[in-house]
Amino acid sequence: MSKPLSDHGSHANIGDLVKICTETGMDTGVTGVIVEVKEFYSWSMEVWRKVRLHGKLDFVEDYKVRIISKAVKHEGTGKNKDTG
């Protein structure tokens, strides 16, 4: 599957709560927290990303991800804040 040329993805990061959509934008019902992000480069140096959700083994293209909630980070350390 190739990424659409006009869509560069959600740029979600580790710790963000996201939902996964189909290529046409329909909701798949899959939600989760991103635990891993991989960047890939083509021979022409184009960059695209894939993300992995907690509890899942497979990676999903970044353009299929819609951010529900961004992770909150400590300003001093840059680490995810425990809000509980």
Protein backbone atom coordinates (compact mmCIF):
# COMPACT_ATOMS: atom_id res chain seq x y z
CA MET A 1 0.00 0.00 0.00
CA SER A 2 1.36 3.42 -0.87
CA LYS A 3 0.70 6.66 0.96
CA PRO A 4 -1.27 9.41 -0.75
CA LEU A 5 0.92 12.18 -2.15
CA SER A 6 -1.19 15.01 -0.71
CA ASP A 7 -1.45 13.66 2.87
CA HIS A 8 1.60 13.77 5.10
CA GLY A 9 0.07 12.07 8.11
CA SER A 10 -1.02 13.06 11.57
CA HIS A 11 2.48 13.40 13.05
CA ALA A 12 1.24 11.69 16.21
CA ASN A 13 3.97 10.89 18.72
CA ILE A 14 4.58 8.28 21.41
CA GLY A 15 1.99 8.58 24.18
CA ASP A 16 -0.75 10.10 22.00
CA LEU A 17 -4.21 8.51 22.11
CA VAL A 18 -5.32 7.87 18.52
CA LYS A 19 -7.94 6.13 16.43
CA ILE A 20 -7.25 4.27 13.20
CA CYS A 21 -9.21 5.03 10.03
CA THR A 22 -9.38 3.36 6.63
CA GLU A 23 -7.84 4.87 3.50
CA THR A 24 -11.18 6.55 2.80
CA GLY A 25 -11.39 8.04 6.30
CA MET A 26 -13.94 5.65 7.79
CA ASP A 27 -13.52 4.80 11.48
CA THR A 28 -12.28 1.23 12.07
CA GLY A 29 -13.17 1.17 15.77
CA VAL A 30 -9.51 0.65 16.73
CA THR A 31 -8.14 3.10 19.31
CA GLY A 32 -4.99 3.02 21.36
CA VAL A 33 -1.84 4.73 22.61
CA ILE A 34 1.17 4.99 20.31
CA VAL A 35 4.20 3.15 21.69
CA GLU A 36 6.55 3.17 18.69
CA VAL A 37 7.15 5.36 15.64
CA LYS A 38 9.29 4.37 12.62
CA GLU A 39 10.38 6.61 9.77
CA PHE A 40 11.07 5.22 6.32
CA TYR A 41 12.97 6.88 3.45
CA SER A 42 12.60 6.29 -0.27
CA TRP A 43 15.48 6.45 -2.74
CA SER A 44 14.44 10.07 -3.47
CA MET A 45 14.63 10.89 0.27
CA GLU A 46 10.86 11.16 0.76
CA VAL A 47 9.93 10.36 4.34
CA TRP A 48 6.88 8.51 5.61
CA ARG A 49 6.03 7.19 9.04
CA LYS A 50 4.40 4.15 10.56
CA VAL A 51 3.17 3.87 14.13
CA ARG A 52 2.45 0.96 16.46
CA LEU A 53 -0.24 0.94 19.12
CA HIS A 54 0.04 -0.61 22.58
CA GLY A 55 -0.84 -4.31 22.43
CA LYS A 56 -0.52 -4.53 18.63
CA LEU A 57 2.29 -6.18 16.68
CA ASP A 58 1.75 -4.54 13.31
CA PHE A 59 2.52 -0.97 12.23
CA VAL A 60 -0.04 1.38 10.69
CA GLU A 61 0.69 4.14 8.17
CA ASP A 62 0.68 7.57 9.82
CA TYR A 63 -1.88 8.99 7.39
CA LYS A 64 -4.50 6.53 8.74
CA VAL A 65 -4.11 7.83 12.32
CA ARG A 66 -6.37 10.53 13.80
CA ILE A 67 -5.27 12.06 17.11
CA ILE A 68 -7.86 11.96 19.90
CA SER A 69 -5.63 13.36 22.65
CA LYS A 70 -2.01 14.53 22.70
CA ALA A 71 0.32 13.28 25.42
CA VAL A 72 1.09 15.86 28.12
CA LYS A 73 4.80 16.30 28.83
CA HIS A 74 6.74 17.79 31.71
CA GLU A 75 8.28 21.04 30.56
CA GLY A 76 11.55 20.44 32.38
CA THR A 77 12.20 16.78 31.55
CA GLY A 78 10.28 16.28 28.31
CA LYS A 79 8.94 12.97 29.66
CA ASN A 80 5.26 12.04 29.68
CA LYS A 81 3.43 13.43 32.69
CA ASP A 82 1.48 11.11 34.98
CA THR A 83 -1.86 12.90 35.30
CA GLY A 84 -3.47 10.23 37.53
